[in-house]
Structure formats: structure tokens, C-alpha cells
Amino acid sequence: MPGRGDCRKNRRWSQNSYGVEGYAKRGERLIPVPAPMAAKAALYLAMRQAGVTNVQLAEKLGCDEREIRRMLDPRHATKLPRIKEALAVLGKRLVLGVEEAA
């Protein structure tokens, strides 16, 4: 975890209530999101980073492309184990943690 001196001038260090560390631009705040939504966002970002399309991921998972669209749809209730499988195909690992309440 970087100290305050490590942050860029126009960014500030913050940590949300889920323990997710990151940077927020001036005037912005990091907000906690439900675990399934965070997992969907992580899948989307992993796909973009790997340059993988919905169709390509569907082929790797042996499913229809519609299932990938549903996985990425914030209004669709996707089970975390299925998102975990998709992330694993992309070389990523889903990590969920529990901390003591403050």
C-alpha cells in the first residue's frame, strides 16, 4: 500500500469499505459495490486487457455468447462461481475477503 507521498499530485489514495485499494481523481470518490457487480466489472476489464471478445470467451468456456452477455449485464444475477471460471480462463483469480468491522 503506497503512502501519501507516493501519490501523484492530482490523485489521492483511498481505500473503500471492502478493502479495495485504488486511486480517485480529485473531486471523485471510490464507492463500495456489491461483490457480484465488482466481479462483473473485473471480468469486463480482464476481457478488455486480454483483447478477448464475448464470442472468443464463450468458445473457451464452451457456452453460448449470450451467457457471456448475461455475465456482463449488471441487471442479470450471475453466480460468482461462473464468473470465477470465466476469469480463470483469462488467467485471473477472483478473490473475496472478510474483515472485522470498524
Protein backbone atom coordinates (compact mmCIF):
# COMPACT_ATOMS: atom_id res chain seq x y z
CA MET A 1 0.00 0.00 0.00
CA PRO A 2 1.59 3.26 -1.03
CA GLY A 3 1.94 6.08 1.43
CA ARG A 4 0.53 9.52 0.83
CA GLY A 5 3.89 10.71 -0.50
CA ASP A 6 3.74 8.10 -3.28
CA CYS A 7 0.55 9.50 -4.82
CA ARG A 8 0.57 11.69 -7.85
CA LYS A 9 -0.19 15.35 -7.37
CA ASN A 10 -3.67 15.22 -8.95
CA ARG A 11 -4.73 11.92 -7.36
CA ARG A 12 -5.40 10.87 -3.81
CA TRP A 13 -5.05 7.45 -2.22
CA SER A 14 -8.15 5.85 -0.80
CA GLN A 15 -9.42 2.50 0.38
CA ASN A 16 -13.11 1.61 0.34
CA SER A 17 -15.01 -0.41 2.93
CA TYR A 18 -14.37 -3.64 1.01
CA GLY A 19 -10.61 -3.13 1.29
CA VAL A 20 -10.19 -2.36 -2.39
CA GLU A 21 -7.27 -0.05 -2.82
CA GLY A 22 -7.07 2.43 -5.65
CA TYR A 23 -6.80 5.97 -6.80
CA ALA A 24 -9.58 8.50 -7.19
CA LYS A 25 -9.21 11.69 -9.18
CA ARG A 26 -9.67 14.97 -7.38
CA GLY A 27 -13.38 15.50 -6.73
CA GLU A 28 -14.16 11.79 -7.15
CA ARG A 29 -14.74 9.13 -4.50
CA LEU A 30 -14.32 5.39 -4.60
CA ILE A 31 -17.56 3.70 -3.58
CA PRO A 32 -18.18 0.13 -2.49
CA VAL A 33 -20.18 -2.07 -4.85
CA PRO A 34 -21.79 -5.47 -4.27
CA ALA A 35 -19.46 -8.44 -4.82
CA PRO A 36 -21.27 -9.70 -7.95
CA MET A 37 -21.05 -6.26 -9.57
CA ALA A 38 -17.34 -5.99 -8.73
CA ALA A 39 -16.78 -9.46 -10.20
CA LYS A 40 -18.62 -8.50 -13.40
CA ALA A 41 -16.51 -5.34 -13.70
CA ALA A 42 -13.34 -7.37 -13.14
CA LEU A 43 -14.41 -9.79 -15.88
CA TYR A 44 -15.10 -6.93 -18.28
CA LEU A 45 -11.70 -5.35 -17.56
CA ALA A 46 -9.90 -8.70 -17.88
CA MET A 47 -11.55 -9.29 -21.25
CA ARG A 48 -10.51 -5.83 -22.49
CA GLN A 49 -6.97 -6.29 -21.19
CA ALA A 50 -6.66 -9.66 -22.94
CA GLY A 51 -8.35 -8.40 -26.11
CA VAL A 52 -10.91 -11.21 -25.88
CA THR A 53 -14.38 -10.81 -27.36
CA ASN A 54 -17.61 -12.25 -25.98
CA VAL A 55 -17.57 -14.90 -28.72
CA GLN A 56 -13.97 -15.91 -28.00
CA LEU A 57 -14.62 -16.23 -24.27
CA ALA A 58 -17.76 -18.25 -24.95
CA GLU A 59 -15.73 -20.67 -27.08
CA LYS A 60 -13.13 -21.04 -24.34
CA LEU A 61 -15.87 -21.73 -21.76
CA GLY A 62 -17.84 -23.99 -24.08
CA CYS A 63 -21.01 -21.92 -23.85
CA ASP A 64 -23.15 -19.62 -25.96
CA GLU A 65 -22.17 -15.97 -26.41
CA ARG A 66 -25.49 -14.97 -24.82
CA GLU A 67 -24.24 -16.37 -21.50
CA ILE A 68 -21.23 -14.06 -21.67
CA ARG A 69 -23.53 -11.09 -22.35
CA ARG A 70 -25.59 -12.07 -19.31
CA MET A 71 -22.43 -12.40 -17.19
CA LEU A 72 -21.55 -8.81 -18.07
CA ASP A 73 -25.10 -7.48 -17.64
CA PRO A 74 -25.43 -5.67 -14.29
CA ARG A 75 -29.17 -6.46 -14.23
CA HIS A 76 -28.64 -10.22 -14.59
CA ALA A 77 -27.93 -12.29 -11.47
CA THR A 78 -24.83 -14.29 -12.40
CA LYS A 79 -23.44 -16.72 -9.84
CA LEU A 80 -19.94 -15.88 -8.64
CA PRO A 81 -18.53 -19.38 -9.38
CA ARG A 82 -19.35 -18.93 -13.07
CA ILE A 83 -17.64 -15.54 -13.17
CA LYS A 84 -14.71 -17.16 -11.37
CA GLU A 85 -14.48 -19.76 -14.16
CA ALA A 86 -14.50 -17.06 -16.83
CA LEU A 87 -11.78 -15.11 -15.03
CA ALA A 88 -9.69 -18.28 -14.69
CA VAL A 89 -9.86 -18.82 -18.45
CA LEU A 90 -8.42 -15.31 -18.79
CA GLY A 91 -5.61 -16.07 -16.32
CA LYS A 92 -7.17 -14.14 -13.44
CA ARG A 93 -8.25 -15.19 -9.96
CA LEU A 94 -11.33 -13.92 -8.12
CA VAL A 95 -10.52 -13.00 -4.51
CA LEU A 96 -13.15 -12.25 -1.88
CA GLY A 97 -12.25 -11.19 1.65
CA VAL A 98 -13.86 -10.56 5.01
CA GLU A 99 -12.57 -8.05 7.55
CA GLU A 100 -13.51 -7.07 11.08
CA ALA A 101 -15.99 -4.24 11.20
CA ALA A 102 -14.58 -0.95 12.43
